[in-house]
Amino acid sequence: KFLTPSVPVLLSTLPGIQVRLLVFAIPQAFTLAIPVGVALGIFVGSGGSVVSLRSARFVLAIAVACSLASIVMVGWVAPLSERAFGAGSRATVALDELTEHELTLSELGQRVDVYQMRSTRSCDTRRLATYYHFRWAFSFATFLLGLLALSVVTHVRFRRRILAVLAACGAALGWFALSFAGTQVGNNGILPPLVAAWLPNLAFAVAAVGIIKLSPRPTHVIPKR
């Protein structure tokens, strides 16, 4: 069996289950906070004014940086923290006994390859492959949410902050809803795992480009009430 090193002594010996749970839950929270925070920041930060091209480029650069950070968080930091919390004080953990949520991206990809070579049940292989591609897709969700938010605030001025907040929350919920649907169709073999996992990102990219192409200049103002 392949063995993976245990959690560092400093973390494994933290006093109290509540403290350990808090420490290990931080990476999980960051993976969700990054894409939602970028969308919220763009919608609210526009302040009802037109976003200049220079500002848009700067914001997109930030979104790209956040997506790269998400790859590290989703691919390695979050699964390792979950693995550490589950391992407790054990010296070693068998790699083949870990759940898919405790595997890094590279380890998860290797497990998918093993399942395919062993001709493991097709439903298990599809589920694991869909989850693998979902991890990658989720990492780039920050950029796609940022791109969609920029396309909207460039052409729609939110004069009331609450409307901008609702728009950001709606965009984030829409992505997660499409992601859930894509995961289901991928697990059931309706679409290939790669296509199913990237379905929400593709939809958001098409929506963002469509808004930009169809609205060459600000056309609508949401007034104060």
Protein backbone atom coordinates (compact mmCIF):
# COMPACT_ATOMS: atom_id res chain seq x y z
CA LYS A 1 0.00 0.00 0.00
CA PHE A 2 1.12 3.50 -0.68
CA LEU A 3 1.43 5.50 2.51
CA THR A 4 1.03 9.20 2.91
CA PRO A 5 2.71 11.16 5.73
CA SER A 6 0.61 12.19 8.68
CA VAL A 7 -0.45 15.68 9.55
CA PRO A 8 2.29 17.82 11.11
CA VAL A 9 2.62 17.37 14.84
CA LEU A 10 1.61 20.96 15.51
CA LEU A 11 -1.78 20.42 13.88
CA SER A 12 -2.41 16.86 14.97
CA THR A 13 -1.88 17.73 18.62
CA LEU A 14 -4.11 20.80 18.72
CA PRO A 15 -6.13 20.72 21.95
CA GLY A 16 -9.81 19.99 21.55
CA ILE A 17 -11.83 18.75 18.61
CA GLN A 18 -13.44 22.19 18.17
CA VAL A 19 -10.08 23.93 17.68
CA ARG A 20 -8.86 21.30 15.22
CA LEU A 21 -12.13 21.45 13.31
CA LEU A 22 -11.84 25.23 13.03
CA VAL A 23 -8.26 25.07 11.73
CA PHE A 24 -9.00 22.37 9.17
CA ALA A 25 -12.24 24.04 8.01
CA ILE A 26 -10.50 27.29 7.03
CA PRO A 27 -9.26 25.99 3.63
CA GLN A 28 -12.72 24.63 2.87
CA ALA A 29 -14.25 28.04 3.57
CA PHE A 30 -11.69 29.81 1.39
CA THR A 31 -12.52 27.64 -1.62
CA LEU A 32 -16.10 28.95 -1.51
CA ALA A 33 -15.27 32.49 -0.43
CA ILE A 34 -12.90 33.23 -3.32
CA PRO A 35 -15.35 32.97 -6.28
CA VAL A 36 -18.28 34.45 -4.36
CA GLY A 37 -16.10 37.27 -3.04
CA VAL A 38 -14.81 38.21 -6.49
CA ALA A 39 -18.34 38.35 -7.94
CA LEU A 40 -19.61 40.33 -4.97
CA GLY A 41 -16.69 42.74 -5.11
CA ILE A 42 -17.24 43.49 -8.80
CA PHE A 43 -21.00 43.98 -8.55
CA VAL A 44 -20.84 46.11 -5.40
CA GLY A 45 -17.56 47.85 -6.17
CA SER A 46 -18.82 49.28 -9.44
CA GLY A 47 -20.91 51.72 -7.39
CA GLY A 48 -23.38 52.28 -10.20
CA SER A 49 -20.76 53.85 -12.46
CA VAL A 50 -19.43 52.75 -15.84
CA VAL A 51 -16.39 50.49 -15.59
CA SER A 52 -13.50 51.69 -17.73
CA LEU A 53 -11.50 49.34 -19.92
CA ARG A 54 -8.42 49.84 -17.76
CA SER A 55 -10.33 48.97 -14.61
CA ALA A 56 -11.86 45.94 -16.30
CA ARG A 57 -8.43 44.63 -17.26
CA PHE A 58 -7.16 45.15 -13.73
CA VAL A 59 -10.14 43.31 -12.24
CA LEU A 60 -9.77 40.44 -14.70
CA ALA A 61 -6.11 40.15 -13.74
CA ILE A 62 -7.17 39.83 -10.11
CA ALA A 63 -9.74 37.19 -11.09
CA VAL A 64 -7.04 35.21 -12.91
CA ALA A 65 -4.78 35.40 -9.84
CA CYS A 66 -7.64 34.24 -7.63
CA SER A 67 -8.34 31.34 -9.98
CA LEU A 68 -4.70 30.26 -9.76
CA ALA A 69 -4.95 30.46 -5.98
CA SER A 70 -8.12 28.38 -6.15
CA ILE A 71 -6.27 25.65 -8.02
CA VAL A 72 -3.85 25.35 -5.11
CA MET A 73 -6.63 25.52 -2.51
CA VAL A 74 -9.01 23.09 -4.22
CA GLY A 75 -6.33 20.80 -5.60
CA TRP A 76 -4.02 20.43 -2.63
CA VAL A 77 -4.60 22.54 0.49
CA ALA A 78 -8.27 21.66 1.10
CA PRO A 79 -7.94 17.87 0.55
CA LEU A 80 -4.77 17.70 2.63
CA SER A 81 -6.47 19.57 5.47
CA GLU A 82 -9.44 17.19 5.31
CA ARG A 83 -7.06 14.25 5.24
CA ALA A 84 -5.20 15.63 8.22
CA PHE A 85 -8.38 16.08 10.21
CA GLY A 86 -9.52 12.56 9.44
CA ALA A 87 -6.11 11.05 10.15
CA GLY A 88 -5.96 12.48 13.67
CA SER A 89 -2.84 11.23 15.41
CA ARG A 90 -2.18 8.18 13.21
CA ALA A 91 1.38 7.93 11.96
CA THR A 92 0.49 6.94 8.41
CA VAL A 93 -2.60 6.63 6.25
CA ALA A 94 -3.05 4.16 3.40
CA LEU A 95 -3.53 6.16 0.22
CA ASP A 96 -5.97 3.66 -1.27
CA GLU A 97 -8.17 3.99 1.83
CA LEU A 98 -8.65 7.74 1.42
CA THR A 99 -11.89 9.14 0.03
CA GLU A 100 -11.83 11.21 -3.15
CA HIS A 101 -12.28 14.35 -1.04
CA GLU A 102 -9.01 13.63 0.75
CA LEU A 103 -6.98 13.16 -2.44
CA THR A 104 -5.00 15.88 -4.12
CA LEU A 105 -5.64 16.56 -7.80
CA SER A 106 -2.65 14.50 -8.89
CA GLU A 107 -3.62 11.59 -6.63
CA LEU A 108 -7.23 11.79 -7.78
CA GLY A 109 -6.14 11.69 -11.41
CA GLN A 110 -4.04 8.60 -10.68
CA ARG A 111 -7.02 6.90 -9.03
CA VAL A 112 -9.16 7.63 -12.09
CA ASP A 113 -6.51 6.02 -14.29
CA VAL A 114 -6.39 2.97 -11.99
CA TYR A 115 -10.18 2.60 -12.12
CA GLN A 116 -10.12 2.77 -15.90
CA MET A 117 -7.30 0.23 -16.23
CA ARG A 118 -8.96 -2.18 -13.79
CA SER A 119 -12.29 -1.83 -15.60
CA THR A 120 -13.93 -0.91 -12.34
CA ARG A 121 -17.71 -0.48 -12.44
CA SER A 122 -18.47 2.17 -15.02
CA CYS A 123 -20.69 4.16 -12.64
CA ASP A 124 -17.86 4.46 -10.10
CA THR A 125 -15.38 5.44 -12.79
CA ARG A 126 -17.74 8.09 -14.21
CA ARG A 127 -18.45 9.51 -10.76
CA LEU A 128 -14.75 9.73 -9.91
CA ALA A 129 -13.83 11.21 -13.31
CA THR A 130 -16.63 13.78 -13.06
CA TYR A 131 -15.44 14.81 -9.60
CA TYR A 132 -11.86 15.12 -10.87
CA HIS A 133 -12.88 17.44 -13.70
CA PHE A 134 -15.21 19.33 -11.35
CA ARG A 135 -12.25 20.25 -9.17
CA TRP A 136 -10.53 21.83 -12.15
CA ALA A 137 -13.71 23.56 -13.30
CA PHE A 138 -14.40 24.94 -9.84
CA SER A 139 -10.90 26.41 -9.70
CA PHE A 140 -11.65 28.49 -12.81
CA ALA A 141 -15.14 29.46 -11.65
CA THR A 142 -13.65 32.60 -10.08
CA PHE A 143 -12.49 33.90 -13.45
CA LEU A 144 -15.79 33.06 -15.17
CA LEU A 145 -17.86 34.66 -12.41
CA GLY A 146 -15.63 37.72 -12.60
CA LEU A 147 -15.97 37.88 -16.38
CA LEU A 148 -19.76 37.64 -16.19
CA ALA A 149 -19.93 40.24 -13.43
CA LEU A 150 -17.78 42.64 -15.45
CA SER A 151 -19.92 42.17 -18.55
CA VAL A 152 -23.03 43.00 -16.51
CA VAL A 153 -21.73 46.03 -14.60
CA THR A 154 -20.32 47.45 -17.82
CA HIS A 155 -23.82 47.68 -19.25
CA VAL A 156 -26.10 47.82 -16.20
CA ARG A 157 -25.71 50.45 -13.48
CA PHE A 158 -26.83 49.32 -10.03
CA ARG A 159 -27.77 52.49 -8.17
CA ARG A 160 -28.79 50.55 -5.05
CA ARG A 161 -26.17 48.38 -3.37
CA ILE A 162 -28.67 45.73 -2.34
CA LEU A 163 -29.47 45.09 -6.00
CA ALA A 164 -25.78 44.56 -6.71
CA VAL A 165 -25.53 42.13 -3.79
CA LEU A 166 -28.55 40.21 -5.04
CA ALA A 167 -27.06 40.08 -8.55
CA ALA A 168 -23.78 38.68 -7.20
CA CYS A 169 -25.55 36.08 -5.06
CA GLY A 170 -27.74 35.14 -8.02
CA ALA A 171 -24.71 34.63 -10.25
CA ALA A 172 -22.97 32.46 -7.66
CA LEU A 173 -26.10 30.40 -7.00
CA GLY A 174 -26.62 30.02 -10.73
CA TRP A 175 -23.11 28.61 -11.13
CA PHE A 176 -23.58 26.12 -8.31
CA ALA A 177 -26.99 25.07 -9.66
CA LEU A 178 -25.50 24.42 -13.12
CA SER A 179 -22.60 22.61 -11.49
CA PHE A 180 -24.96 20.34 -9.58
CA ALA A 181 -26.88 19.59 -12.77
CA GLY A 182 -23.66 18.94 -14.68
CA THR A 183 -22.42 16.58 -11.98
CA GLN A 184 -25.63 14.59 -12.16
CA VAL A 185 -25.57 14.21 -15.93
CA GLY A 186 -21.90 13.29 -15.76
CA ASN A 187 -22.44 10.67 -13.07
CA ASN A 188 -25.32 9.16 -15.04
CA GLY A 189 -23.31 9.00 -18.27
CA ILE A 190 -25.54 11.43 -20.18
CA LEU A 191 -22.52 13.62 -20.97
CA PRO A 192 -18.80 12.85 -20.81
CA PRO A 193 -17.33 13.74 -17.38
CA LEU A 194 -15.16 16.52 -18.83
CA VAL A 195 -18.07 18.21 -20.62
CA ALA A 196 -20.45 17.77 -17.68
CA ALA A 197 -18.03 19.23 -15.15
CA TRP A 198 -17.21 22.28 -17.30
CA LEU A 199 -20.83 22.92 -18.27
CA PRO A 200 -21.38 25.87 -15.86
CA ASN A 201 -18.12 27.55 -16.91
CA LEU A 202 -19.04 27.16 -20.57
CA ALA A 203 -22.50 28.59 -19.94
CA PHE A 204 -21.11 31.58 -18.04
CA ALA A 205 -18.49 32.24 -20.71
CA VAL A 206 -21.14 32.22 -23.44
CA ALA A 207 -23.39 34.49 -21.36
CA ALA A 208 -20.58 36.96 -20.67
CA VAL A 209 -19.49 37.13 -24.31
CA GLY A 210 -23.11 37.45 -25.41
CA ILE A 211 -23.73 40.40 -23.09
CA ILE A 212 -20.58 42.11 -24.30
CA LYS A 213 -21.39 41.58 -27.98
CA LEU A 214 -25.07 42.49 -27.78
CA SER A 215 -24.59 45.55 -25.53
CA PRO A 216 -21.83 47.77 -26.94
CA ARG A 217 -22.55 50.53 -24.43
CA PRO A 218 -24.46 51.06 -21.17
CA THR A 219 -28.14 50.78 -21.98
CA HIS A 220 -30.03 50.28 -18.74
CA VAL A 221 -30.04 51.97 -15.37
CA ILE A 222 -31.66 50.39 -12.34
CA PRO A 223 -32.92 53.46 -10.42
CA LYS A 224 -33.21 53.98 -6.70
CA ARG A 225 -36.49 53.20 -5.10
